[in-house]
Amino acid sequence: MTSVLQVENLRISFPDGGRGRAYPVDGVSFALERGRTLALVGESGSGKSLTSLALLRLVPPPGRIEEGSAIRLGDTDVLALHGEALRRIRGRRIGMVFQDPMTSLNPVFTVGDQIAEGVRAHFPVSRTEARQRALRLLQEVGIPDPGARLDAYPHQLSGGQLQRLLIARALLLDIRYLIADEIISMLDASTRIDVLNLLGELKARGLGILFITHDLSLGNYISDRTMILRHGRVVELGSTPRVFDNPVHPYTKSLIASVPQLHTKWSTLGRPTPQTDDEDTTDAGTLVEIERDHFVLTTGETAAHR
């Protein structure tokens, strides 16, 4: 049976200055299968990164995952795990790569030593065997001269090489799912394409990928399904062609309309703008299926467009 990463009614709260608790993630639900890519799209502050951190139980204090939330990997209840059982999920079954690779690497150790350390923390292998595994995988992810790169320090590698290295480090632990949190936003255009193509190859091998981005066009390029997040709630979710070809929620329409096209005149760039807070209806409504594999947060406005 294929293990599915299933999230249901995920709610994350933080203290709200003596006024109770605020919910930057409020009722998020989705499923991700192996060999598929789900793009999680939203502007800054929409709850994308908090959602991803919750999958590994890494929500920073004083935040907490509320009762009634559910995160399951196959038959495993992730929220019920502790200690060694939780550690076997982190890195072994679900890996994560962050936006800035330099924050994930220690500048005073070679990248080879850091990769070997991660492998040996999860597998009973020698340092030599861990290095050999790392060398093979660096070759697979397309890092040139991988032997020399293992002996390099993080600052001696380019941004694209560092992201490939971190992806390789995650794959060394034989993960089933990869969370890619804005991993190409700091890269130049040509390097972005290389990393996106690498993710496509990994998906073809059976890796499930949660691709987090604020760039709608990147989500369209890489994903099988797309989830639009606003103010911590899912406003639209479905197969990527359906979401892009037939957007229903006003916020999704605004995002798509704001992406420049080759024929767009300079005077019209940036219009129409996303909803203002006065127009926002995210806090109301229910996520319903309007066609096969296409869900929308229904409000009076969205109902009128169905």
C-alpha atoms as a PDB file:
ATOM      1  CA  MET A   1       0.000   0.000   0.000  1.00  0.00           C
ATOM      2  CA  THR A   2       1.308   3.437  -0.946  1.00  0.00           C
ATOM      3  CA  SER A   3       1.959   5.622   2.083  1.00  0.00           C
ATOM      4  CA  VAL A   4       0.170   8.950   1.753  1.00  0.00           C
ATOM      5  CA  LEU A   5       1.093  12.084   3.651  1.00  0.00           C
ATOM      6  CA  GLN A   6      -2.288  13.243   4.926  1.00  0.00           C
ATOM      7  CA  VAL A   7      -2.989  16.525   6.722  1.00  0.00           C
ATOM      8  CA  GLU A   8      -6.442  17.225   8.126  1.00  0.00           C
ATOM      9  CA  ASN A   9      -7.733  20.378   9.815  1.00  0.00           C
ATOM     10  CA  LEU A  10      -4.255  21.607  10.727  1.00  0.00           C
ATOM     11  CA  ARG A  11      -4.499  24.565  13.127  1.00  0.00           C
ATOM     12  CA  ILE A  12      -1.462  26.352  14.564  1.00  0.00           C
ATOM     13  CA  SER A  13      -1.807  29.077  17.179  1.00  0.00           C
ATOM     14  CA  PHE A  14       0.354  31.658  18.936  1.00  0.00           C
ATOM     15  CA  PRO A  15      -0.384  33.905  21.942  1.00  0.00           C
ATOM     16  CA  ASP A  16      -2.023  37.127  20.828  1.00  0.00           C
ATOM     17  CA  GLY A  17      -0.779  39.669  23.345  1.00  0.00           C
ATOM     18  CA  GLY A  18      -3.193  38.801  26.134  1.00  0.00           C
ATOM     19  CA  ARG A  19      -6.193  38.700  23.803  1.00  0.00           C
ATOM     20  CA  GLY A  20      -6.272  34.943  23.438  1.00  0.00           C
ATOM     21  CA  ARG A  21      -4.571  33.099  20.584  1.00  0.00           C
ATOM     22  CA  ALA A  22      -4.054  33.939  16.917  1.00  0.00           C
ATOM     23  CA  TYR A  23      -4.270  31.244  14.226  1.00  0.00           C
ATOM     24  CA  PRO A  24      -1.821  31.863  11.351  1.00  0.00           C
ATOM     25  CA  VAL A  25      -2.727  28.387  10.070  1.00  0.00           C
ATOM     26  CA  ASP A  26      -6.408  27.600  10.430  1.00  0.00           C
ATOM     27  CA  GLY A  27      -7.947  24.394   9.128  1.00  0.00           C
ATOM     28  CA  VAL A  28      -5.494  23.380   6.379  1.00  0.00           C
ATOM     29  CA  SER A  29      -6.125  19.964   4.819  1.00  0.00           C
ATOM     30  CA  PHE A  30      -4.394  18.201   1.926  1.00  0.00           C
ATOM     31  CA  ALA A  31      -2.927  14.886   0.821  1.00  0.00           C
ATOM     32  CA  LEU A  32       0.338  14.175  -0.976  1.00  0.00           C
ATOM     33  CA  GLU A  33       1.179  10.886  -2.649  1.00  0.00           C
ATOM     34  CA  ARG A  34       4.586   9.565  -3.611  1.00  0.00           C
ATOM     35  CA  GLY A  35       5.607  10.439  -7.140  1.00  0.00           C
ATOM     36  CA  ARG A  36       3.515  13.616  -7.068  1.00  0.00           C
ATOM     37  CA  THR A  37       4.242  17.306  -6.502  1.00  0.00           C
ATOM     38  CA  LEU A  38       1.937  19.634  -4.600  1.00  0.00           C
ATOM     39  CA  ALA A  39       2.650  23.358  -4.914  1.00  0.00           C
ATOM     40  CA  LEU A  40       1.771  25.346  -1.806  1.00  0.00           C
ATOM     41  CA  VAL A  41       1.386  28.923  -3.054  1.00  0.00           C
ATOM     42  CA  GLY A  42       0.791  32.088  -1.080  1.00  0.00           C
ATOM     43  CA  GLU A  43       2.174  35.499  -0.254  1.00  0.00           C
ATOM     44  CA  SER A  44       4.432  36.188   2.721  1.00  0.00           C
ATOM     45  CA  GLY A  45       2.565  35.584   5.974  1.00  0.00           C
ATOM     46  CA  SER A  46       0.018  33.228   4.464  1.00  0.00           C
ATOM     47  CA  GLY A  47       1.150  30.290   6.622  1.00  0.00           C
ATOM     48  CA  LYS A  48       3.149  28.304   4.055  1.00  0.00           C
ATOM     49  CA  SER A  49       6.308  27.745   6.082  1.00  0.00           C
ATOM     50  CA  LEU A  50       4.446  27.128   9.349  1.00  0.00           C
ATOM     51  CA  THR A  51       2.414  24.442   7.594  1.00  0.00           C
ATOM     52  CA  SER A  52       5.592  22.745   6.407  1.00  0.00           C
ATOM     53  CA  LEU A  53       7.263  22.957   9.827  1.00  0.00           C
ATOM     54  CA  ALA A  54       4.226  21.324  11.409  1.00  0.00           C
ATOM     55  CA  LEU A  55       4.728  18.223   9.257  1.00  0.00           C
ATOM     56  CA  LEU A  56       7.948  17.571  11.170  1.00  0.00           C
ATOM     57  CA  ARG A  57       6.677  18.861  14.529  1.00  0.00           C
ATOM     58  CA  LEU A  58       9.013  21.854  14.311  1.00  0.00           C
ATOM     59  CA  VAL A  59       6.576  24.683  15.050  1.00  0.00           C
ATOM     60  CA  PRO A  60       8.627  27.145  17.132  1.00  0.00           C
ATOM     61  CA  PRO A  61       7.430  27.958  20.669  1.00  0.00           C
ATOM     62  CA  PRO A  62       5.277  29.545  21.923  1.00  0.00           C
ATOM     63  CA  GLY A  63       3.352  28.270  18.900  1.00  0.00           C
ATOM     64  CA  ARG A  64       1.479  25.011  19.148  1.00  0.00           C
ATOM     65  CA  ILE A  65      -0.445  22.578  16.966  1.00  0.00           C
ATOM     66  CA  GLU A  66      -4.017  22.576  18.229  1.00  0.00           C
ATOM     67  CA  GLU A  67      -6.072  19.557  19.237  1.00  0.00           C
ATOM     68  CA  GLY A  68      -8.190  18.251  16.395  1.00  0.00           C
ATOM     69  CA  SER A  69      -5.313  18.590  13.924  1.00  0.00           C
ATOM     70  CA  ALA A  70      -4.126  15.419  12.221  1.00  0.00           C
ATOM     71  CA  ILE A  71      -0.892  14.597  10.369  1.00  0.00           C
ATOM     72  CA  ARG A  72      -0.517  11.018   9.166  1.00  0.00           C
ATOM     73  CA  LEU A  73       2.127   9.267   7.107  1.00  0.00           C
ATOM     74  CA  GLY A  74       0.463   6.087   5.967  1.00  0.00           C
ATOM     75  CA  ASP A  75      -0.775   4.470   9.178  1.00  0.00           C
ATOM     76  CA  THR A  76       1.558   6.535  11.390  1.00  0.00           C
ATOM     77  CA  ASP A  77       0.089   9.329  13.500  1.00  0.00           C
ATOM     78  CA  VAL A  78       2.930  11.872  13.407  1.00  0.00           C
ATOM     79  CA  LEU A  79       1.436  14.020  16.170  1.00  0.00           C
ATOM     80  CA  ALA A  80       1.493  11.051  18.571  1.00  0.00           C
ATOM     81  CA  LEU A  81       5.226  10.374  18.114  1.00  0.00           C
ATOM     82  CA  HIS A  82       7.991  11.293  20.540  1.00  0.00           C
ATOM     83  CA  GLY A  83      11.721  10.719  20.957  1.00  0.00           C
ATOM     84  CA  GLU A  84      13.319   8.128  18.700  1.00  0.00           C
ATOM     85  CA  ALA A  85      10.060   7.385  16.884  1.00  0.00           C
ATOM     86  CA  LEU A  86       9.752  11.026  15.858  1.00  0.00           C
ATOM     87  CA  ARG A  87      13.419  11.170  14.845  1.00  0.00           C
ATOM     88  CA  ARG A  88      12.837   8.269  12.461  1.00  0.00           C
ATOM     89  CA  ILE A  89      10.253  10.400  10.668  1.00  0.00           C
ATOM     90  CA  ARG A  90      12.454  13.510  10.518  1.00  0.00           C
ATOM     91  CA  GLY A  91      15.047  12.997   7.859  1.00  0.00           C
ATOM     92  CA  ARG A  92      14.364   9.282   7.350  1.00  0.00           C
ATOM     93  CA  ARG A  93      10.905   9.526   5.810  1.00  0.00           C
ATOM     94  CA  ILE A  94      10.324  13.255   5.382  1.00  0.00           C
ATOM     95  CA  GLY A  95      13.204  15.554   4.440  1.00  0.00           C
ATOM     96  CA  MET A  96      13.267  19.340   4.265  1.00  0.00           C
ATOM     97  CA  VAL A  97      15.343  21.857   2.311  1.00  0.00           C
ATOM     98  CA  PHE A  98      15.133  25.536   3.260  1.00  0.00           C
ATOM     99  CA  GLN A  99      15.340  28.756   1.279  1.00  0.00           C
ATOM    100  CA  ASP A 100      18.834  29.784   2.387  1.00  0.00           C
ATOM    101  CA  PRO A 101      21.205  26.794   2.254  1.00  0.00           C
ATOM    102  CA  MET A 102      23.840  28.603   4.342  1.00  0.00           C
ATOM    103  CA  THR A 103      21.546  28.451   7.367  1.00  0.00           C
ATOM    104  CA  SER A 104      21.511  24.639   7.122  1.00  0.00           C
ATOM    105  CA  LEU A 105      25.277  24.155   6.974  1.00  0.00           C
ATOM    106  CA  ASN A 106      28.036  24.821   9.494  1.00  0.00           C
ATOM    107  CA  PRO A 107      30.625  27.138   7.892  1.00  0.00           C
ATOM    108  CA  VAL A 108      33.589  25.627   9.791  1.00  0.00           C
ATOM    109  CA  PHE A 109      33.151  22.025   8.592  1.00  0.00           C
ATOM    110  CA  THR A 110      33.491  20.632   5.093  1.00  0.00           C
ATOM    111  CA  VAL A 111      30.298  19.652   3.353  1.00  0.00           C
ATOM    112  CA  GLY A 112      31.528  16.053   3.200  1.00  0.00           C
ATOM    113  CA  ASP A 113      31.897  15.858   6.982  1.00  0.00           C
ATOM    114  CA  GLN A 114      28.426  17.328   7.476  1.00  0.00           C
ATOM    115  CA  ILE A 115      26.779  14.905   5.077  1.00  0.00           C
ATOM    116  CA  ALA A 116      28.586  11.927   6.616  1.00  0.00           C
ATOM    117  CA  GLU A 117      27.512  13.013  10.096  1.00  0.00           C
ATOM    118  CA  GLY A 118      23.846  12.997   9.033  1.00  0.00           C
ATOM    119  CA  VAL A 119      24.123   9.557   7.461  1.00  0.00           C
ATOM    120  CA  ARG A 120      25.849   8.044  10.489  1.00  0.00           C
ATOM    121  CA  ALA A 121      23.225   9.522  12.812  1.00  0.00           C
ATOM    122  CA  HIS A 122      20.608   7.342  11.117  1.00  0.00           C
ATOM    123  CA  PHE A 123      22.559   4.334   9.764  1.00  0.00           C
ATOM    124  CA  PRO A 124      25.218   2.095  11.375  1.00  0.00           C
ATOM    125  CA  VAL A 125      27.910   2.725   8.756  1.00  0.00           C
ATOM    126  CA  SER A 126      31.528   3.807   8.896  1.00  0.00           C
ATOM    127  CA  ARG A 127      32.670   7.314   7.989  1.00  0.00           C
ATOM    128  CA  THR A 128      34.255   5.884   4.817  1.00  0.00           C
ATOM    129  CA  GLU A 129      31.003   4.229   3.733  1.00  0.00           C
ATOM    130  CA  ALA A 130      29.027   7.397   4.495  1.00  0.00           C
ATOM    131  CA  ARG A 131      31.428   9.404   2.336  1.00  0.00           C
ATOM    132  CA  GLN A 132      31.133   6.889  -0.515  1.00  0.00           C
ATOM    133  CA  ARG A 133      27.345   7.126  -0.368  1.00  0.00           C
ATOM    134  CA  ALA A 134      27.563  10.908  -0.434  1.00  0.00           C
ATOM    135  CA  LEU A 135      29.912  10.840  -3.422  1.00  0.00           C
ATOM    136  CA  ARG A 136      27.564   8.623  -5.432  1.00  0.00           C
ATOM    137  CA  LEU A 137      24.574  10.818  -4.724  1.00  0.00           C
ATOM    138  CA  LEU A 138      26.371  14.066  -5.516  1.00  0.00           C
ATOM    139  CA  GLN A 139      27.107  12.557  -8.907  1.00  0.00           C
ATOM    140  CA  GLU A 140      23.427  11.693  -9.352  1.00  0.00           C
ATOM    141  CA  VAL A 141      22.211  15.219  -8.581  1.00  0.00           C
ATOM    142  CA  GLY A 142      24.630  16.708 -11.089  1.00  0.00           C
ATOM    143  CA  ILE A 143      27.262  18.392  -8.927  1.00  0.00           C
ATOM    144  CA  PRO A 144      30.489  18.714 -10.978  1.00  0.00           C
ATOM    145  CA  ASP A 145      33.682  17.197  -9.564  1.00  0.00           C
ATOM    146  CA  PRO A 146      31.841  15.730  -6.568  1.00  0.00           C
ATOM    147  CA  GLY A 147      35.001  14.429  -4.884  1.00  0.00           C
ATOM    148  CA  ALA A 148      36.453  17.917  -4.634  1.00  0.00           C
ATOM    149  CA  ARG A 149      33.117  19.360  -3.508  1.00  0.00           C
ATOM    150  CA  LEU A 150      32.998  16.996  -0.537  1.00  0.00           C
ATOM    151  CA  ASP A 151      36.234  18.556   0.726  1.00  0.00           C
ATOM    152  CA  ALA A 152      34.989  22.116   0.174  1.00  0.00           C
ATOM    153  CA  TYR A 153      33.507  24.454   2.761  1.00  0.00           C
ATOM    154  CA  PRO A 154      29.982  25.840   2.249  1.00  0.00           C
ATOM    155  CA  HIS A 155      31.208  29.311   1.219  1.00  0.00           C
ATOM    156  CA  GLN A 156      33.233  27.762  -1.617  1.00  0.00           C
ATOM    157  CA  LEU A 157      30.113  26.478  -3.409  1.00  0.00           C
ATOM    158  CA  SER A 158      27.579  28.410  -5.444  1.00  0.00           C
ATOM    159  CA  GLY A 159      23.959  28.787  -4.343  1.00  0.00           C
ATOM    160  CA  GLY A 160      22.770  26.232  -6.888  1.00  0.00           C
ATOM    161  CA  GLN A 161      25.423  23.725  -5.836  1.00  0.00           C
ATOM    162  CA  LEU A 162      24.488  24.181  -2.187  1.00  0.00           C
ATOM    163  CA  GLN A 163      20.804  23.524  -2.884  1.00  0.00           C
ATOM    164  CA  ARG A 164      21.682  20.400  -4.874  1.00  0.00           C
ATOM    165  CA  LEU A 165      23.928  19.305  -2.022  1.00  0.00           C
ATOM    166  CA  LEU A 166      21.138  19.715   0.538  1.00  0.00           C
ATOM    167  CA  ILE A 167      18.742  17.782  -1.687  1.00  0.00           C
ATOM    168  CA  ALA A 168      21.376  15.051  -1.946  1.00  0.00           C
ATOM    169  CA  ARG A 169      21.816  15.035   1.827  1.00  0.00           C
ATOM    170  CA  ALA A 170      18.086  14.461   2.253  1.00  0.00           C
ATOM    171  CA  LEU A 171      18.041  11.691  -0.365  1.00  0.00           C
ATOM    172  CA  LEU A 172      20.925   9.883   1.352  1.00  0.00           C
ATOM    173  CA  LEU A 173      18.542   9.046   4.181  1.00  0.00           C
ATOM    174  CA  ASP A 174      16.147   7.315   1.764  1.00  0.00           C
ATOM    175  CA  ILE A 175      13.277   9.745   2.361  1.00  0.00           C
ATOM    176  CA  ARG A 176       9.807   9.277   0.875  1.00  0.00           C
ATOM    177  CA  TYR A 177       8.791  12.949   0.890  1.00  0.00           C
ATOM    178  CA  LEU A 178      10.705  16.186   0.386  1.00  0.00           C
ATOM    179  CA  ILE A 179       9.569  19.592   1.632  1.00  0.00           C
ATOM    180  CA  ALA A 180      11.142  22.256  -0.587  1.00  0.00           C
ATOM    181  CA  ASP A 181      10.562  25.618   1.100  1.00  0.00           C
ATOM    182  CA  GLU A 182      11.284  28.463  -1.366  1.00  0.00           C
ATOM    183  CA  ILE A 183      14.481  26.660  -2.358  1.00  0.00           C
ATOM    184  CA  ILE A 184      15.035  28.482  -5.661  1.00  0.00           C
ATOM    185  CA  SER A 185      13.944  32.015  -4.790  1.00  0.00           C
ATOM    186  CA  MET A 186      17.574  33.088  -4.184  1.00  0.00           C
ATOM    187  CA  LEU A 187      18.957  31.499  -7.370  1.00  0.00           C
ATOM    188  CA  ASP A 188      19.504  33.001 -10.812  1.00  0.00           C
ATOM    189  CA  ALA A 189      17.173  32.025 -13.669  1.00  0.00           C
ATOM    190  CA  SER A 190      19.332  29.345 -15.314  1.00  0.00           C
ATOM    191  CA  THR A 191      20.151  27.687 -11.987  1.00  0.00           C
ATOM    192  CA  ARG A 192      16.461  27.702 -11.077  1.00  0.00           C
ATOM    193  CA  ILE A 193      15.655  25.627 -14.139  1.00  0.00           C
ATOM    194  CA  ASP A 194      18.408  23.127 -13.282  1.00  0.00           C
ATOM    195  CA  VAL A 195      17.052  22.634  -9.746  1.00  0.00           C
ATOM    196  CA  LEU A 196      13.444  22.388 -10.987  1.00  0.00           C
ATOM    197  CA  ASN A 197      14.476  19.746 -13.517  1.00  0.00           C
ATOM    198  CA  LEU A 198      16.270  17.843 -10.755  1.00  0.00           C
ATOM    199  CA  LEU A 199      13.082  17.873  -8.671  1.00  0.00           C
ATOM    200  CA  GLY A 200      11.191  16.564 -11.705  1.00  0.00           C
ATOM    201  CA  GLU A 201      13.625  13.674 -12.024  1.00  0.00           C
ATOM    202  CA  LEU A 202      13.274  12.838  -8.338  1.00  0.00           C
ATOM    203  CA  LYS A 203       9.492  12.887  -8.607  1.00  0.00           C
ATOM    204  CA  ALA A 204       9.712  10.430 -11.492  1.00  0.00           C
ATOM    205  CA  ARG A 205      11.632   8.083  -9.172  1.00  0.00           C
ATOM    206  CA  GLY A 206       8.749   8.108  -6.685  1.00  0.00           C
ATOM    207  CA  LEU A 207       9.565  11.014  -4.371  1.00  0.00           C
ATOM    208  CA  GLY A 208       6.591  13.037  -3.120  1.00  0.00           C
ATOM    209  CA  ILE A 209       7.396  16.767  -3.128  1.00  0.00           C
ATOM    210  CA  LEU A 210       5.725  19.634  -1.268  1.00  0.00           C
ATOM    211  CA  PHE A 211       6.946  22.652  -3.241  1.00  0.00           C
ATOM    212  CA  ILE A 212       6.433  25.883  -1.312  1.00  0.00           C
ATOM    213  CA  THR A 213       6.582  29.132  -3.252  1.00  0.00           C
ATOM    214  CA  HIS A 214       5.170  32.638  -3.517  1.00  0.00           C
ATOM    215  CA  ASP A 215       5.666  32.474  -7.300  1.00  0.00           C
ATOM    216  CA  LEU A 216       2.548  31.190  -9.020  1.00  0.00           C
ATOM    217  CA  SER A 217       4.340  30.569 -12.312  1.00  0.00           C
ATOM    218  CA  LEU A 218       6.818  28.206 -10.615  1.00  0.00           C
ATOM    219  CA  GLY A 219       3.971  26.263  -9.064  1.00  0.00           C
ATOM    220  CA  ASN A 220       2.362  25.931 -12.482  1.00  0.00           C
ATOM    221  CA  TYR A 221       5.645  24.736 -13.994  1.00  0.00           C
ATOM    222  CA  ILE A 222       6.451  21.955 -11.553  1.00  0.00           C
ATOM    223  CA  SER A 223       3.316  20.723  -9.792  1.00  0.00           C
ATOM    224  CA  ASP A 224       0.605  18.130 -10.349  1.00  0.00           C
ATOM    225  CA  ARG A 225      -1.671  19.842  -7.857  1.00  0.00           C
ATOM    226  CA  THR A 226      -1.780  23.391  -6.502  1.00  0.00           C
ATOM    227  CA  MET A 227      -3.001  24.730  -3.167  1.00  0.00           C
ATOM    228  CA  ILE A 228      -3.554  28.470  -2.707  1.00  0.00           C
ATOM    229  CA  LEU A 229      -3.163  29.689   0.866  1.00  0.00           C
ATOM    230  CA  ARG A 230      -4.328  33.063   2.197  1.00  0.00           C
ATOM    231  CA  HIS A 231      -4.409  34.190   5.835  1.00  0.00           C
ATOM    232  CA  GLY A 232      -3.771  30.619   6.955  1.00  0.00           C
ATOM    233  CA  ARG A 233      -6.676  29.071   5.058  1.00  0.00           C
ATOM    234  CA  VAL A 234      -6.881  27.128   1.816  1.00  0.00           C
ATOM    235  CA  VAL A 235      -8.890  29.185  -0.672  1.00  0.00           C
ATOM    236  CA  GLU A 236      -8.420  26.930  -3.702  1.00  0.00           C
ATOM    237  CA  LEU A 237      -7.022  23.425  -4.197  1.00  0.00           C
ATOM    238  CA  GLY A 238      -6.965  21.036  -7.111  1.00  0.00           C
ATOM    239  CA  SER A 239      -5.152  19.692 -10.122  1.00  0.00           C
ATOM    240  CA  THR A 240      -2.850  22.384 -11.449  1.00  0.00           C
ATOM    241  CA  PRO A 241      -4.510  22.623 -14.880  1.00  0.00           C
ATOM    242  CA  ARG A 242      -7.934  23.106 -13.281  1.00  0.00           C
ATOM    243  CA  VAL A 243      -6.738  25.772 -10.838  1.00  0.00           C
ATOM    244  CA  PHE A 244      -4.945  27.737 -13.545  1.00  0.00           C
ATOM    245  CA  ASP A 245      -7.426  27.243 -16.385  1.00  0.00           C
ATOM    246  CA  ASN A 246     -10.558  27.722 -14.306  1.00  0.00           C
ATOM    247  CA  PRO A 247      -9.745  29.772 -11.178  1.00  0.00           C
ATOM    248  CA  VAL A 248     -12.819  30.513  -9.092  1.00  0.00           C
ATOM    249  CA  HIS A 249     -11.797  32.221  -5.868  1.00  0.00           C
ATOM    250  CA  PRO A 250     -11.235  35.991  -6.320  1.00  0.00           C
ATOM    251  CA  TYR A 251      -7.816  35.792  -4.679  1.00  0.00           C
ATOM    252  CA  THR A 252      -6.629  33.058  -7.050  1.00  0.00           C
ATOM    253  CA  LYS A 253      -7.889  35.087  -9.997  1.00  0.00           C
ATOM    254  CA  SER A 254      -5.974  38.124  -8.760  1.00  0.00           C
ATOM    255  CA  LEU A 255      -2.755  36.158  -8.374  1.00  0.00           C
ATOM    256  CA  ILE A 256      -3.014  34.692 -11.859  1.00  0.00           C
ATOM    257  CA  ALA A 257      -3.928  38.051 -13.405  1.00  0.00           C
ATOM    258  CA  SER A 258      -0.925  39.711 -11.771  1.00  0.00           C
ATOM    259  CA  VAL A 259       1.593  37.401 -13.483  1.00  0.00           C
ATOM    260  CA  PRO A 260       3.139  39.397 -16.391  1.00  0.00           C
ATOM    261  CA  GLN A 261       2.670  37.942 -19.866  1.00  0.00           C
ATOM    262  CA  LEU A 262       4.809  38.585 -22.927  1.00  0.00           C
ATOM    263  CA  HIS A 263       2.083  40.772 -24.428  1.00  0.00           C
ATOM    264  CA  THR A 264       1.439  42.735 -21.201  1.00  0.00           C
ATOM    265  CA  LYS A 265       1.917  46.501 -21.510  1.00  0.00           C
ATOM    266  CA  TRP A 266       4.142  48.149 -18.919  1.00  0.00           C
ATOM    267  CA  SER A 267       1.297  50.482 -17.958  1.00  0.00           C
ATOM    268  CA  THR A 268      -0.881  47.547 -16.872  1.00  0.00           C
ATOM    269  CA  LEU A 269       1.651  45.558 -14.843  1.00  0.00           C
ATOM    270  CA  GLY A 270       0.483  44.815 -11.319  1.00  0.00           C
ATOM    271  CA  ARG A 271      -3.236  45.069 -12.075  1.00  0.00           C
ATOM    272  CA  PRO A 272      -5.588  43.794 -10.895  1.00  0.00           C
ATOM    273  CA  THR A 273      -4.197  43.823  -7.371  1.00  0.00           C
ATOM    274  CA  PRO A 274      -5.023  41.176  -4.776  1.00  0.00           C
ATOM    275  CA  GLN A 275      -7.974  41.773  -2.473  1.00  0.00           C
ATOM    276  CA  THR A 276      -7.693  44.371   0.245  1.00  0.00           C
ATOM    277  CA  ASP A 277      -8.472  43.436   3.825  1.00  0.00           C
ATOM    278  CA  ASP A 278     -11.866  45.107   3.452  1.00  0.00           C
ATOM    279  CA  GLU A 279     -12.672  42.854   0.489  1.00  0.00           C
ATOM    280  CA  ASP A 280     -11.228  39.707   1.996  1.00  0.00           C
ATOM    281  CA  THR A 281     -13.676  36.890   2.681  1.00  0.00           C
ATOM    282  CA  THR A 282     -11.140  34.238   3.660  1.00  0.00           C
ATOM    283  CA  ASP A 283     -12.472  33.872   7.199  1.00  0.00           C
ATOM    284  CA  ALA A 284     -15.886  32.835   5.901  1.00  0.00           C
ATOM    285  CA  GLY A 285     -17.026  29.898   3.821  1.00  0.00           C
ATOM    286  CA  THR A 286     -16.344  26.201   3.401  1.00  0.00           C
ATOM    287  CA  LEU A 287     -13.988  24.349   1.070  1.00  0.00           C
ATOM    288  CA  VAL A 288     -16.205  22.464  -1.402  1.00  0.00           C
ATOM    289  CA  GLU A 289     -15.559  20.446  -4.565  1.00  0.00           C
ATOM    290  CA  ILE A 290     -16.919  22.349  -7.570  1.00  0.00           C
ATOM    291  CA  GLU A 291     -15.637  19.852 -10.146  1.00  0.00           C
ATOM    292  CA  ARG A 292     -13.508  16.740 -10.063  1.00  0.00           C
ATOM    293  CA  ASP A 293     -10.346  17.446  -8.029  1.00  0.00           C
ATOM    294  CA  HIS A 294     -11.057  21.180  -7.755  1.00  0.00           C
ATOM    295  CA  PHE A 295     -11.961  22.621  -4.350  1.00  0.00           C
ATOM    296  CA  VAL A 296     -12.763  26.255  -3.572  1.00  0.00           C
ATOM    297  CA  LEU A 297     -13.456  28.171  -0.375  1.00  0.00           C
ATOM    298  CA  THR A 298     -17.023  29.200  -1.080  1.00  0.00           C
ATOM    299  CA  THR A 299     -18.354  32.614  -0.179  1.00  0.00           C
ATOM    300  CA  GLY A 300     -21.175  34.668  -1.567  1.00  0.00           C
ATOM    301  CA  GLU A 301     -18.811  36.028  -4.202  1.00  0.00           C
ATOM    302  CA  THR A 302     -17.350  32.682  -5.245  1.00  0.00           C
ATOM    303  CA  ALA A 303     -20.780  31.084  -5.333  1.00  0.00           C
ATOM    304  CA  ALA A 304     -21.853  33.689  -7.869  1.00  0.00           C
ATOM    305  CA  HIS A 305     -18.954  32.677 -10.149  1.00  0.00           C
ATOM    306  CA  ARG A 306     -19.617  28.929 -10.076  1.00  0.00           C
END
